[in-house]
Amino acid sequence: MRRPNRAPPTVAKEGPRTNDEIRNAQIQLIDADGVDQGTVETMVAIKMAMEAGMDLVEISPNTSPPVCKIMDYGKYKYSAQKKAAEARKKQKVVEIKEIKLRPMIDDHDYDVKMRAMQRFFEEGDKVKITLRYRGREMAHQEIGTKLLDKVKADVAEFAKVEQDAKFEGRQVVMVLAPR
């Protein structure tokens, strides 16, 4: 059995169309100095761009006629890339840090966990507190509930409860976010 000949899908080019990729017969032209030249035929505009040693770049393709500008496309792409990199550098990615507790945690261990939690909040991260019950501890869930209430009270000044404590099998999960 013969399969139908399927051509590979055309690759969509990123960014605006340039020079010969512009398919409209007439365009609204803005020259290299930013002066509006009015409606011009595409071939004439491409020749003007070539004479200036630059490219014809489609700025606004959805208008009628489309708006094109004579500019150095390499410089334009480079500056757009730099802007995107700068924006990525400035954004803060919020991570979720996890702190695991047990119902019968000792005072010093609790203090160490609280200091770690406070450091996470100062860095702007969220904290997921997991309280795990083992064996017979399931019979005394009120101990774990009291512990989680104590955690909430201790971090109330620099964190807020984003997801209240809820049971998931043998563990209770609570998510706190910095204020």
N, C-alpha and C. Protein backbone atom coordinates (compact mmCIF):
# COMPACT_ATOMS: atom_id res chain seq x y z
N MET A 1 0.84 -1.17 0.00
CA MET A 1 0.00 0.00 0.00
C MET A 1 0.89 1.25 0.00
N ARG A 2 0.59 2.16 -0.87
CA ARG A 2 1.39 3.37 -1.01
C ARG A 2 0.83 4.47 -0.12
N ARG A 3 1.72 5.12 0.61
CA ARG A 3 1.29 6.20 1.50
C ARG A 3 1.29 7.51 0.73
N PRO A 4 0.39 8.42 1.09
CA PRO A 4 0.38 9.72 0.39
C PRO A 4 1.65 10.51 0.71
N ASN A 5 2.08 11.27 -0.26
CA ASN A 5 3.29 12.07 -0.10
C ASN A 5 2.97 13.29 0.75
N ARG A 6 3.54 13.31 1.93
CA ARG A 6 3.29 14.45 2.81
C ARG A 6 4.55 15.32 2.87
N ALA A 7 4.40 16.54 2.44
CA ALA A 7 5.53 17.47 2.49
C ALA A 7 5.73 17.91 3.94
N PRO A 8 6.98 18.16 4.33
CA PRO A 8 7.22 18.63 5.69
C PRO A 8 6.55 19.99 5.91
N PRO A 9 6.06 20.26 7.12
CA PRO A 9 5.38 21.53 7.36
C PRO A 9 6.34 22.70 7.19
N THR A 10 5.81 23.80 6.68
CA THR A 10 6.66 24.97 6.48
C THR A 10 7.01 25.55 7.83
N VAL A 11 8.25 25.96 7.97
CA VAL A 11 8.73 26.50 9.24
C VAL A 11 8.32 27.97 9.31
N ALA A 12 7.59 28.32 10.35
CA ALA A 12 7.17 29.71 10.53
C ALA A 12 8.38 30.52 11.03
N LYS A 13 8.68 31.59 10.30
CA LYS A 13 9.84 32.42 10.64
C LYS A 13 9.48 33.32 11.82
N GLU A 14 10.40 33.39 12.77
CA GLU A 14 10.19 34.28 13.91
C GLU A 14 10.53 35.69 13.52
N GLY A 15 9.80 36.63 14.08
CA GLY A 15 10.09 38.03 13.84
C GLY A 15 9.38 38.56 12.61
N PRO A 16 9.58 39.83 12.32
CA PRO A 16 8.89 40.46 11.19
C PRO A 16 9.46 40.02 9.84
N ARG A 17 8.64 40.18 8.80
CA ARG A 17 9.11 39.86 7.45
C ARG A 17 10.04 40.96 6.95
N THR A 18 11.00 40.58 6.13
CA THR A 18 11.95 41.55 5.61
C THR A 18 12.08 41.42 4.10
N ASN A 19 12.45 42.51 3.46
CA ASN A 19 12.77 42.59 2.03
C ASN A 19 11.84 41.79 1.13
N ASP A 20 12.33 40.69 0.53
CA ASP A 20 11.54 39.94 -0.46
C ASP A 20 10.42 39.12 0.16
N GLU A 21 10.40 38.98 1.48
CA GLU A 21 9.33 38.23 2.14
C GLU A 21 8.03 39.02 2.21
N ILE A 22 8.10 40.33 2.01
CA ILE A 22 6.90 41.18 2.05
C ILE A 22 6.14 40.98 0.76
N ARG A 23 4.90 40.49 0.87
CA ARG A 23 4.15 40.07 -0.31
C ARG A 23 3.15 41.12 -0.83
N ASN A 24 2.93 42.19 -0.10
CA ASN A 24 1.96 43.18 -0.53
C ASN A 24 2.52 44.02 -1.67
N ALA A 25 1.62 44.47 -2.57
CA ALA A 25 2.06 45.28 -3.71
C ALA A 25 2.46 46.67 -3.25
N GLN A 26 1.70 47.25 -2.32
CA GLN A 26 2.01 48.59 -1.84
C GLN A 26 2.12 48.58 -0.32
N ILE A 27 2.98 49.46 0.19
CA ILE A 27 3.20 49.55 1.64
C ILE A 27 3.26 51.00 2.07
N GLN A 28 3.04 51.23 3.36
CA GLN A 28 3.24 52.55 3.96
C GLN A 28 4.71 52.57 4.39
N LEU A 29 5.51 53.49 3.86
CA LEU A 29 6.96 53.47 4.08
C LEU A 29 7.41 54.54 5.06
N ILE A 30 8.26 54.12 5.99
CA ILE A 30 8.93 55.05 6.90
C ILE A 30 10.42 54.88 6.61
N ASP A 31 11.11 55.98 6.28
CA ASP A 31 12.52 55.85 5.90
C ASP A 31 13.42 55.73 7.13
N ALA A 32 14.73 55.64 6.90
CA ALA A 32 15.70 55.40 7.96
C ALA A 32 15.72 56.52 9.00
N ASP A 33 15.32 57.74 8.61
CA ASP A 33 15.31 58.87 9.54
C ASP A 33 14.02 58.96 10.33
N GLY A 34 13.06 58.08 10.05
CA GLY A 34 11.79 58.08 10.76
C GLY A 34 10.75 58.97 10.12
N VAL A 35 10.99 59.41 8.88
CA VAL A 35 10.05 60.28 8.17
C VAL A 35 9.09 59.43 7.35
N ASP A 36 7.79 59.72 7.45
CA ASP A 36 6.77 58.97 6.72
C ASP A 36 6.81 59.36 5.24
N GLN A 37 7.05 58.39 4.36
CA GLN A 37 7.13 58.65 2.92
C GLN A 37 5.79 58.42 2.21
N GLY A 38 4.79 57.95 2.93
CA GLY A 38 3.47 57.70 2.33
C GLY A 38 3.41 56.31 1.72
N THR A 39 2.40 56.08 0.88
CA THR A 39 2.21 54.78 0.24
C THR A 39 3.15 54.65 -0.95
N VAL A 40 3.94 53.56 -0.95
CA VAL A 40 4.95 53.33 -1.99
C VAL A 40 4.83 51.88 -2.45
N GLU A 41 5.21 51.61 -3.69
CA GLU A 41 5.23 50.22 -4.16
C GLU A 41 6.37 49.48 -3.47
N THR A 42 6.15 48.20 -3.21
CA THR A 42 7.12 47.40 -2.43
C THR A 42 8.47 47.33 -3.13
N MET A 43 8.49 47.12 -4.43
CA MET A 43 9.76 47.00 -5.16
C MET A 43 10.58 48.29 -5.06
N VAL A 44 9.91 49.43 -5.15
CA VAL A 44 10.60 50.72 -5.05
C VAL A 44 11.19 50.87 -3.65
N ALA A 45 10.42 50.47 -2.64
CA ALA A 45 10.88 50.58 -1.25
C ALA A 45 12.08 49.67 -1.00
N ILE A 46 12.06 48.46 -1.57
CA ILE A 46 13.20 47.53 -1.41
C ILE A 46 14.45 48.12 -2.05
N LYS A 47 14.29 48.75 -3.25
CA LYS A 47 15.43 49.38 -3.92
C LYS A 47 15.99 50.53 -3.08
N MET A 48 15.08 51.31 -2.47
CA MET A 48 15.53 52.42 -1.62
C MET A 48 16.32 51.88 -0.42
N ALA A 49 15.85 50.78 0.14
CA ALA A 49 16.53 50.18 1.30
C ALA A 49 17.91 49.66 0.89
N MET A 50 17.99 49.01 -0.27
CA MET A 50 19.27 48.47 -0.75
C MET A 50 20.27 49.59 -1.00
N GLU A 51 19.80 50.72 -1.58
CA GLU A 51 20.68 51.86 -1.85
C GLU A 51 21.21 52.45 -0.54
N ALA A 52 20.38 52.40 0.52
CA ALA A 52 20.80 52.93 1.83
C ALA A 52 21.66 51.91 2.58
N GLY A 53 21.78 50.69 2.03
CA GLY A 53 22.56 49.64 2.68
C GLY A 53 21.85 49.04 3.88
N MET A 54 20.52 49.09 3.85
CA MET A 54 19.73 48.58 4.98
C MET A 54 18.67 47.61 4.47
N ASP A 55 17.76 47.23 5.37
CA ASP A 55 16.70 46.29 5.04
C ASP A 55 15.34 46.98 5.16
N LEU A 56 14.38 46.44 4.43
CA LEU A 56 12.99 46.88 4.56
C LEU A 56 12.31 45.91 5.50
N VAL A 57 11.85 46.40 6.65
CA VAL A 57 11.28 45.54 7.70
C VAL A 57 9.82 45.90 7.90
N GLU A 58 8.97 44.87 7.90
CA GLU A 58 7.53 45.06 8.09
C GLU A 58 7.26 45.26 9.58
N ILE A 59 6.83 46.46 9.95
CA ILE A 59 6.60 46.82 11.35
C ILE A 59 5.19 46.43 11.78
N SER A 60 4.21 46.81 11.01
CA SER A 60 2.81 46.56 11.35
C SER A 60 2.13 45.86 10.18
N PRO A 61 2.12 44.50 10.18
CA PRO A 61 1.61 43.78 9.02
C PRO A 61 0.08 43.76 8.91
N ASN A 62 -0.64 44.06 9.99
CA ASN A 62 -2.10 43.89 9.97
C ASN A 62 -2.86 45.13 9.53
N THR A 63 -2.16 46.22 9.22
CA THR A 63 -2.85 47.42 8.74
C THR A 63 -2.97 47.36 7.23
N SER A 64 -3.75 48.27 6.68
CA SER A 64 -3.91 48.28 5.23
C SER A 64 -3.56 49.68 4.72
N PRO A 65 -2.52 49.91 3.96
CA PRO A 65 -1.44 48.98 3.62
C PRO A 65 -0.51 48.76 4.82
N PRO A 66 0.24 47.64 4.82
CA PRO A 66 1.14 47.37 5.94
C PRO A 66 2.24 48.44 6.06
N VAL A 67 2.65 48.71 7.30
CA VAL A 67 3.67 49.73 7.55
C VAL A 67 5.04 49.06 7.56
N CYS A 68 5.97 49.57 6.76
CA CYS A 68 7.33 49.04 6.69
C CYS A 68 8.32 50.17 6.95
N LYS A 69 9.47 49.80 7.50
CA LYS A 69 10.48 50.79 7.83
C LYS A 69 11.83 50.35 7.28
N ILE A 70 12.61 51.32 6.82
CA ILE A 70 13.97 51.04 6.37
C ILE A 70 14.88 51.11 7.59
N MET A 71 15.51 49.97 7.93
CA MET A 71 16.40 49.92 9.10
C MET A 71 17.39 48.80 8.94
N ASP A 72 18.38 48.79 9.81
CA ASP A 72 19.36 47.70 9.83
C ASP A 72 18.75 46.57 10.65
N TYR A 73 18.32 45.51 9.98
CA TYR A 73 17.60 44.42 10.64
C TYR A 73 18.48 43.68 11.65
N GLY A 74 19.76 43.55 11.38
CA GLY A 74 20.69 42.89 12.31
C GLY A 74 20.76 43.63 13.63
N LYS A 75 20.88 44.97 13.56
CA LYS A 75 20.92 45.78 14.77
C LYS A 75 19.60 45.68 15.52
N TYR A 76 18.49 45.68 14.78
CA TYR A 76 17.16 45.60 15.37
C TYR A 76 16.99 44.29 16.15
N LYS A 77 17.40 43.17 15.54
CA LYS A 77 17.30 41.86 16.21
C LYS A 77 18.20 41.81 17.44
N TYR A 78 19.40 42.37 17.31
CA TYR A 78 20.35 42.36 18.42
C TYR A 78 19.80 43.14 19.62
N SER A 79 19.25 44.32 19.36
CA SER A 79 18.71 45.13 20.46
C SER A 79 17.49 44.45 21.09
N ALA A 80 16.66 43.79 20.28
CA ALA A 80 15.50 43.08 20.82
C ALA A 80 15.95 41.92 21.70
N GLN A 81 17.00 41.25 21.28
CA GLN A 81 17.57 40.14 22.05
C GLN A 81 18.12 40.64 23.39
N LYS A 82 18.80 41.79 23.36
CA LYS A 82 19.35 42.38 24.58
C LYS A 82 18.24 42.77 25.55
N LYS A 83 17.15 43.36 25.02
CA LYS A 83 16.02 43.74 25.87
C LYS A 83 15.40 42.52 26.54
N ALA A 84 15.25 41.44 25.79
CA ALA A 84 14.66 40.21 26.33
C ALA A 84 15.56 39.62 27.41
N ALA A 85 16.87 39.65 27.20
CA ALA A 85 17.81 39.12 28.19
C ALA A 85 17.76 39.96 29.46
N GLU A 86 17.66 41.27 29.30
CA GLU A 86 17.58 42.17 30.46
C GLU A 86 16.30 41.91 31.26
N ALA A 87 15.20 41.70 30.56
CA ALA A 87 13.92 41.42 31.23
C ALA A 87 14.00 40.09 31.99
N ARG A 88 14.65 39.09 31.39
CA ARG A 88 14.79 37.79 32.06
C ARG A 88 15.66 37.92 33.31
N LYS A 89 16.69 38.77 33.22
CA LYS A 89 17.61 38.92 34.33
C LYS A 89 16.91 39.57 35.53
N LYS A 90 15.97 40.48 35.27
CA LYS A 90 15.32 41.22 36.34
C LYS A 90 14.20 40.43 37.02
N GLN A 91 13.67 39.42 36.36
CA GLN A 91 12.54 38.72 36.97
C GLN A 91 12.99 37.75 38.04
N LYS A 92 12.17 37.60 39.07
CA LYS A 92 12.49 36.71 40.19
C LYS A 92 11.64 35.46 40.07
N VAL A 93 12.28 34.31 40.08
CA VAL A 93 11.57 33.04 40.03
C VAL A 93 11.31 32.60 41.47
N VAL A 94 10.02 32.44 41.81
CA VAL A 94 9.65 32.03 43.16
C VAL A 94 9.75 30.52 43.23
N GLU A 95 10.58 30.06 44.16
CA GLU A 95 10.73 28.62 44.35
C GLU A 95 9.91 28.19 45.54
N ILE A 96 9.56 26.91 45.57
CA ILE A 96 8.88 26.35 46.73
C ILE A 96 9.88 25.46 47.45
N LYS A 97 10.23 25.88 48.67
CA LYS A 97 11.14 25.11 49.50
C LYS A 97 10.29 24.23 50.41
N GLU A 98 10.79 23.04 50.70
CA GLU A 98 10.02 22.13 51.54
C GLU A 98 10.72 21.91 52.88
N ILE A 99 9.94 21.99 53.95
CA ILE A 99 10.44 21.70 55.29
C ILE A 99 9.62 20.51 55.81
N LYS A 100 10.31 19.46 56.22
CA LYS A 100 9.63 18.26 56.72
C LYS A 100 9.69 18.23 58.24
N LEU A 101 8.54 18.00 58.84
CA LEU A 101 8.43 17.93 60.30
C LEU A 101 7.83 16.60 60.72
N ARG A 102 8.01 16.28 62.00
CA ARG A 102 7.36 15.13 62.64
C ARG A 102 6.60 15.66 63.84
N PRO A 103 5.54 15.00 64.25
CA PRO A 103 4.74 15.51 65.38
C PRO A 103 5.54 15.63 66.68
N MET A 104 6.47 14.75 66.94
CA MET A 104 7.20 14.75 68.22
C MET A 104 8.57 15.45 68.08
N ILE A 105 8.64 16.53 67.29
CA ILE A 105 9.90 17.23 67.06
C ILE A 105 10.38 17.90 68.37
N ASP A 106 11.68 17.90 68.59
CA ASP A 106 12.25 18.50 69.79
C ASP A 106 12.37 20.01 69.60
N ASP A 107 12.52 20.75 70.72
CA ASP A 107 12.53 22.21 70.66
C ASP A 107 13.68 22.76 69.81
N HIS A 108 14.87 22.25 69.99
CA HIS A 108 16.02 22.77 69.24
C HIS A 108 15.88 22.47 67.75
N ASP A 109 15.41 21.27 67.41
CA ASP A 109 15.21 20.92 66.00
C ASP A 109 14.17 21.85 65.38
N TYR A 110 13.13 22.14 66.15
CA TYR A 110 12.08 23.05 65.69
C TYR A 110 12.66 24.45 65.42
N ASP A 111 13.51 24.92 66.34
CA ASP A 111 14.12 26.25 66.17
C ASP A 111 14.99 26.31 64.92
N VAL A 112 15.73 25.24 64.65
CA VAL A 112 16.58 25.18 63.45
C VAL A 112 15.71 25.26 62.19
N LYS A 113 14.62 24.51 62.19
CA LYS A 113 13.70 24.53 61.03
C LYS A 113 13.08 25.92 60.86
N MET A 114 12.75 26.58 61.96
CA MET A 114 12.14 27.91 61.88
C MET A 114 13.13 28.94 61.33
N ARG A 115 14.40 28.82 61.72
CA ARG A 115 15.41 29.74 61.17
C ARG A 115 15.57 29.54 59.66
N ALA A 116 15.56 28.28 59.24
CA ALA A 116 15.67 27.98 57.81
C ALA A 116 14.45 28.56 57.08
N MET A 117 13.28 28.39 57.67
CA MET A 117 12.06 28.89 57.06
C MET A 117 12.10 30.41 56.94
N GLN A 118 12.59 31.08 57.97
CA GLN A 118 12.68 32.54 57.96
C GLN A 118 13.64 33.00 56.85
N ARG A 119 14.75 32.28 56.68
CA ARG A 119 15.71 32.61 55.61
C ARG A 119 15.05 32.46 54.23
N PHE A 120 14.25 31.40 54.06
CA PHE A 120 13.56 31.19 52.78
C PHE A 120 12.60 32.35 52.49
N PHE A 121 11.87 32.80 53.52
CA PHE A 121 10.93 33.91 53.32
C PHE A 121 11.67 35.20 52.97
N GLU A 122 12.82 35.44 53.58
CA GLU A 122 13.61 36.64 53.28
C GLU A 122 14.11 36.63 51.84
N GLU A 123 14.36 35.42 51.30
CA GLU A 123 14.80 35.30 49.90
C GLU A 123 13.63 35.39 48.93
N GLY A 124 12.40 35.45 49.47
CA GLY A 124 11.22 35.59 48.62
C GLY A 124 10.64 34.27 48.14
N ASP A 125 11.02 33.16 48.77
CA ASP A 125 10.52 31.86 48.35
C ASP A 125 9.32 31.43 49.20
N LYS A 126 8.51 30.55 48.63
CA LYS A 126 7.40 29.96 49.37
C LYS A 126 7.92 28.74 50.12
N VAL A 127 7.23 28.36 51.18
CA VAL A 127 7.64 27.20 51.96
C VAL A 127 6.48 26.23 52.07
N LYS A 128 6.75 24.98 51.74
CA LYS A 128 5.76 23.91 51.88
C LYS A 128 6.15 23.10 53.11
N ILE A 129 5.27 23.07 54.10
CA ILE A 129 5.55 22.34 55.33
C ILE A 129 4.83 21.00 55.24
N THR A 130 5.60 19.93 55.38
CA THR A 130 5.06 18.57 55.34
C THR A 130 5.23 17.95 56.72
N LEU A 131 4.12 17.60 57.32
CA LEU A 131 4.13 16.96 58.64
C LEU A 131 3.75 15.50 58.43
N ARG A 132 4.70 14.61 58.66
CA ARG A 132 4.47 13.19 58.38
C ARG A 132 4.24 12.42 59.68
N TYR A 133 3.19 11.60 59.67
CA TYR A 133 2.89 10.72 60.80
C TYR A 133 3.42 9.33 60.49
N ARG A 134 4.00 8.68 61.52
CA ARG A 134 4.46 7.30 61.34
C ARG A 134 3.80 6.43 62.39
N GLY A 135 3.42 5.25 61.99
CA GLY A 135 2.91 4.24 62.93
C GLY A 135 1.79 4.73 63.81
N ARG A 136 2.01 4.66 65.13
CA ARG A 136 0.95 4.99 66.10
C ARG A 136 0.72 6.49 66.24
N GLU A 137 1.57 7.30 65.62
CA GLU A 137 1.36 8.75 65.68
C GLU A 137 0.03 9.16 65.05
N MET A 138 -0.50 8.33 64.16
CA MET A 138 -1.79 8.62 63.51
C MET A 138 -2.91 8.68 64.55
N ALA A 139 -2.74 8.00 65.66
CA ALA A 139 -3.77 7.99 66.70
C ALA A 139 -3.82 9.33 67.44
N HIS A 140 -2.74 10.10 67.37
CA HIS A 140 -2.68 11.39 68.08
C HIS A 140 -2.43 12.53 67.10
N GLN A 141 -3.39 12.74 66.22
CA GLN A 141 -3.24 13.78 65.21
C GLN A 141 -3.33 15.18 65.80
N GLU A 142 -3.90 15.29 66.98
CA GLU A 142 -4.02 16.61 67.61
C GLU A 142 -2.64 17.20 67.94
N ILE A 143 -1.63 16.34 68.16
CA ILE A 143 -0.26 16.83 68.42
C ILE A 143 0.27 17.55 67.18
N GLY A 144 0.04 16.93 66.02
CA GLY A 144 0.47 17.54 64.76
C GLY A 144 -0.28 18.82 64.47
N THR A 145 -1.57 18.84 64.77
CA THR A 145 -2.37 20.05 64.55
C THR A 145 -1.85 21.20 65.41
N LYS A 146 -1.52 20.89 66.67
CA LYS A 146 -0.98 21.92 67.57
C LYS A 146 0.36 22.44 67.04
N LEU A 147 1.18 21.52 66.52
CA LEU A 147 2.48 21.91 65.98
C LEU A 147 2.31 22.87 64.80
N LEU A 148 1.37 22.55 63.89
CA LEU A 148 1.15 23.41 62.72
C LEU A 148 0.59 24.77 63.15
N ASP A 149 -0.26 24.79 64.17
CA ASP A 149 -0.78 26.07 64.69
C ASP A 149 0.37 26.90 65.27
N LYS A 150 1.30 26.23 65.95
CA LYS A 150 2.46 26.92 66.51
C LYS A 150 3.33 27.51 65.39
N VAL A 151 3.51 26.73 64.31
CA VAL A 151 4.28 27.23 63.16
C VAL A 151 3.60 28.47 62.58
N LYS A 152 2.28 28.40 62.39
CA LYS A 152 1.54 29.55 61.85
C LYS A 152 1.74 30.78 62.72
N ALA A 153 1.63 30.59 64.04
CA ALA A 153 1.78 31.72 64.97
C ALA A 153 3.20 32.29 64.92
N ASP A 154 4.20 31.42 64.82
CA ASP A 154 5.59 31.87 64.84
C ASP A 154 6.00 32.62 63.57
N VAL A 155 5.40 32.29 62.43
CA VAL A 155 5.78 32.95 61.17
C VAL A 155 4.77 34.01 60.74
N ALA A 156 3.77 34.30 61.59
CA ALA A 156 2.69 35.23 61.22
C ALA A 156 3.20 36.60 60.82
N GLU A 157 4.31 37.08 61.43
CA GLU A 157 4.78 38.42 61.13
C GLU A 157 5.47 38.54 59.78
N PHE A 158 6.07 37.46 59.25
CA PHE A 158 6.74 37.58 57.96
C PHE A 158 6.23 36.61 56.90
N ALA A 159 5.12 35.90 57.17
CA ALA A 159 4.54 35.00 56.16
C ALA A 159 3.04 34.89 56.34
N LYS A 160 2.38 34.52 55.26
CA LYS A 160 0.93 34.31 55.32
C LYS A 160 0.63 32.91 54.79
N VAL A 161 -0.48 32.35 55.23
CA VAL A 161 -0.86 31.00 54.82
C VAL A 161 -1.47 31.08 53.42
N GLU A 162 -0.85 30.39 52.49
CA GLU A 162 -1.38 30.37 51.13
C GLU A 162 -2.32 29.18 50.93
N GLN A 163 -1.95 28.05 51.51
CA GLN A 163 -2.82 26.86 51.45
C GLN A 163 -2.86 26.29 52.86
N ASP A 164 -4.05 26.23 53.41
CA ASP A 164 -4.18 25.76 54.79
C ASP A 164 -3.85 24.27 54.87
N ALA A 165 -3.61 23.80 56.10
CA ALA A 165 -3.19 22.41 56.32
C ALA A 165 -4.27 21.45 55.83
N LYS A 166 -3.86 20.48 55.02
CA LYS A 166 -4.81 19.46 54.57
C LYS A 166 -4.13 18.10 54.54
N PHE A 167 -4.92 17.09 54.85
CA PHE A 167 -4.41 15.72 54.92
C PHE A 167 -4.22 15.13 53.54
N GLU A 168 -3.10 14.45 53.35
CA GLU A 168 -2.84 13.67 52.14
C GLU A 168 -2.28 12.34 52.59
N GLY A 169 -3.14 11.40 52.90
CA GLY A 169 -2.70 10.09 53.38
C GLY A 169 -2.17 10.18 54.79
N ARG A 170 -0.88 9.86 55.00
CA ARG A 170 -0.29 9.90 56.33
C ARG A 170 0.44 11.20 56.60
N GLN A 171 0.24 12.21 55.75
CA GLN A 171 0.93 13.47 55.98
C GLN A 171 -0.02 14.66 55.82
N VAL A 172 0.34 15.75 56.46
CA VAL A 172 -0.42 17.00 56.37
C VAL A 172 0.48 18.01 55.66
N VAL A 173 -0.10 18.70 54.68
CA VAL A 173 0.68 19.66 53.88
C VAL A 173 0.09 21.05 54.04
N MET A 174 0.98 22.03 54.23
CA MET A 174 0.56 23.43 54.36
C MET A 174 1.57 24.27 53.59
N VAL A 175 1.09 25.28 52.85
CA VAL A 175 1.98 26.14 52.06
C VAL A 175 1.91 27.55 52.62
N LEU A 176 3.08 28.15 52.87
CA LEU A 176 3.19 29.52 53.37
C LEU A 176 3.91 30.37 52.34
N ALA A 177 3.50 31.62 52.21
CA ALA A 177 4.13 32.55 51.26
C ALA A 177 4.62 33.77 52.02
N PRO A 178 5.70 34.40 51.55
CA PRO A 178 6.20 35.60 52.25
C PRO A 178 5.22 36.77 52.13
N ARG A 179 5.23 37.64 53.12
CA ARG A 179 4.33 38.82 53.10
C ARG A 179 4.89 39.89 52.18
